[in-house]
Amino acid sequence: MGDMAYQQQISIETGGRGTRNITEAVDAVVRSSGVDAGLCHVFVQHTSCSLTITENADPDVRRDLETVLARLAPDGDPAYVHDLEGPDDMAAHARSVLTDTGLTVPVGRGRLLLGTWQGIFLWEHRTARHRRKVVVTVIG
């Protein structure tokens, strides 16, 4: 069998700023792809949220990561010029750039090869809820 690629868009409803575990949704795409071994690329089509792989067990880790980003890109910084959508607008863009909009995970035995304590998270940087589009591409 030759190379194959499978792609699916998933939609994630966020409840506002914070992390949403999307590991199960991404793994479901991997399973439906039929790819046994390869790569899974996950990409978010937005500029004010991001993706990250981090601790999936203790929520304090994600809460502390939020604290770190709040220090690096605080809401309402008077030095910001771009504030059309409120005090969290430019901060959300900065947080997105400081993290990432895409990530790649190896696939083996038809599943994501994440470590025991790793999860894939959509990280919403806006304070209001949003519907986010995530493209999952599986190549094998």
Protein backbone atom coordinates (compact mmCIF):
# COMPACT_ATOMS: atom_id res chain seq x y z
CA MET A 1 0.00 0.00 0.00
CA GLY A 2 1.33 3.47 -0.90
CA ASP A 3 1.33 6.63 1.14
CA MET A 4 -2.01 7.91 2.26
CA ALA A 5 -3.33 11.09 3.79
CA TYR A 6 -6.59 11.62 5.62
CA GLN A 7 -7.92 14.99 6.74
CA GLN A 8 -10.83 16.07 8.85
CA GLN A 9 -11.88 19.36 10.44
CA ILE A 10 -13.20 19.28 13.98
CA SER A 11 -15.04 22.10 15.71
CA ILE A 12 -14.32 22.88 19.37
CA GLU A 13 -16.57 25.05 21.51
CA THR A 14 -14.51 26.85 24.15
CA GLY A 15 -15.91 28.23 27.34
CA GLY A 16 -13.59 31.22 27.24
CA ARG A 17 -9.97 31.49 28.32
CA GLY A 18 -8.34 28.22 29.32
CA THR A 19 -7.43 24.78 28.00
CA ARG A 20 -9.75 22.18 26.46
CA ASN A 21 -8.52 18.59 26.18
CA ILE A 22 -9.02 17.56 22.54
CA THR A 23 -6.95 14.35 22.67
CA GLU A 24 -9.97 12.05 22.27
CA ALA A 25 -11.32 14.00 19.29
CA VAL A 26 -7.93 13.97 17.54
CA ASP A 27 -7.39 10.27 18.30
CA ALA A 28 -10.84 9.50 16.84
CA VAL A 29 -9.71 11.08 13.56
CA VAL A 30 -6.50 9.01 13.65
CA ARG A 31 -8.50 5.81 14.22
CA SER A 32 -10.91 6.60 11.38
CA SER A 33 -8.01 7.39 9.01
CA GLY A 34 -6.93 3.76 8.73
CA VAL A 35 -3.28 4.84 9.06
CA ASP A 36 -1.30 2.29 11.10
CA ALA A 37 2.01 4.17 11.35
CA GLY A 38 2.76 7.77 10.40
CA LEU A 39 2.22 11.30 11.60
CA CYS A 40 -0.77 13.28 12.83
CA HIS A 41 -0.62 17.02 12.31
CA VAL A 42 -3.08 19.23 14.21
CA PHE A 43 -3.59 22.87 13.17
CA VAL A 44 -5.91 25.54 14.58
CA GLN A 45 -7.22 28.08 12.02
CA HIS A 46 -7.23 31.09 14.34
CA THR A 47 -4.88 33.80 15.66
CA SER A 48 -6.14 34.17 19.22
CA CYS A 49 -5.96 30.58 20.45
CA SER A 50 -3.33 27.87 20.18
CA LEU A 51 -2.52 24.20 20.59
CA THR A 52 -0.22 22.59 23.11
CA ILE A 53 0.81 19.20 24.41
CA THR A 54 1.08 19.21 28.18
CA GLU A 55 0.15 17.45 31.43
CA ASN A 56 -3.19 15.63 31.15
CA ALA A 57 -3.62 14.57 34.80
CA ASP A 58 -3.10 17.49 37.19
CA PRO A 59 -5.13 20.56 36.14
CA ASP A 60 -2.87 22.73 38.35
CA VAL A 61 -0.20 22.51 35.63
CA ARG A 62 -2.54 24.10 33.08
CA ARG A 63 -3.70 26.69 35.62
CA ASP A 64 -0.05 27.61 36.31
CA LEU A 65 0.70 27.81 32.56
CA GLU A 66 -2.16 30.31 32.32
CA THR A 67 -0.45 32.34 35.06
CA VAL A 68 2.84 32.28 33.13
CA LEU A 69 1.16 33.56 29.94
CA ALA A 70 -0.71 36.24 31.91
CA ARG A 71 2.67 37.56 33.07
CA LEU A 72 4.16 37.46 29.56
CA ALA A 73 1.12 38.94 27.76
CA PRO A 74 -1.15 40.73 30.24
CA ASP A 75 -4.62 41.90 29.26
CA GLY A 76 -5.05 45.64 28.73
CA ASP A 77 -1.38 46.58 28.55
CA PRO A 78 -1.45 50.34 27.74
CA ALA A 79 1.43 49.84 25.27
CA TYR A 80 -0.82 47.76 22.98
CA VAL A 81 -2.14 49.54 19.88
CA HIS A 82 -4.44 46.71 18.69
CA ASP A 83 -7.40 46.63 21.10
CA LEU A 84 -10.39 46.70 18.73
CA GLU A 85 -12.13 43.81 20.49
CA GLY A 86 -11.32 44.67 24.08
CA PRO A 87 -8.49 44.43 26.63
CA ASP A 88 -7.89 40.71 25.96
CA ASP A 89 -7.58 41.16 22.16
CA MET A 90 -3.86 41.85 21.67
CA ALA A 91 -2.95 39.72 24.68
CA ALA A 92 -4.68 36.76 22.99
CA HIS A 93 -2.70 37.29 19.77
CA ALA A 94 0.58 37.52 21.72
CA ARG A 95 -0.24 34.35 23.68
CA SER A 96 -0.99 32.53 20.42
CA VAL A 97 2.40 33.55 18.99
CA LEU A 98 4.20 32.55 22.21
CA THR A 99 2.67 29.07 22.03
CA ASP A 100 1.82 27.47 18.66
CA THR A 101 -0.94 27.00 16.10
CA GLY A 102 0.19 23.55 14.92
CA LEU A 103 1.72 20.41 16.36
CA THR A 104 2.71 16.95 15.14
CA VAL A 105 2.35 13.61 16.99
CA PRO A 106 3.61 10.23 15.79
CA VAL A 107 1.03 7.55 15.02
CA GLY A 108 1.62 3.86 15.75
CA ARG A 109 -0.71 0.86 15.80
CA GLY A 110 -3.40 3.25 14.53
CA ARG A 111 -3.25 5.47 17.64
CA LEU A 112 -1.56 8.66 18.80
CA LEU A 113 1.80 7.82 20.40
CA LEU A 114 1.51 10.30 23.27
CA GLY A 115 3.31 9.73 26.56
CA THR A 116 1.33 8.59 29.59
CA TRP A 117 0.89 12.09 31.00
CA GLN A 118 0.56 13.97 27.70
CA GLY A 119 -2.63 15.39 26.27
CA ILE A 120 -3.41 17.63 23.29
CA PHE A 121 -5.10 20.86 24.34
CA LEU A 122 -6.76 23.70 22.50
CA TRP A 123 -5.77 26.78 24.48
CA GLU A 124 -8.33 29.56 24.22
CA HIS A 125 -6.74 32.95 24.87
CA ARG A 126 -9.87 35.11 24.54
CA THR A 127 -12.04 35.62 27.63
CA ALA A 128 -15.30 35.03 25.72
CA ARG A 129 -16.39 31.64 24.40
CA HIS A 130 -15.59 30.84 20.77
CA ARG A 131 -16.12 28.05 18.26
CA ARG A 132 -12.69 27.05 16.96
CA LYS A 133 -11.85 25.08 13.81
CA VAL A 134 -9.08 22.51 14.04
CA VAL A 135 -7.72 20.64 11.00
CA VAL A 136 -6.37 17.15 11.70
CA THR A 137 -4.23 15.59 8.96
CA VAL A 138 -3.01 12.00 9.26
CA ILE A 139 -0.25 10.86 6.93
CA GLY A 140 0.97 7.27 6.70
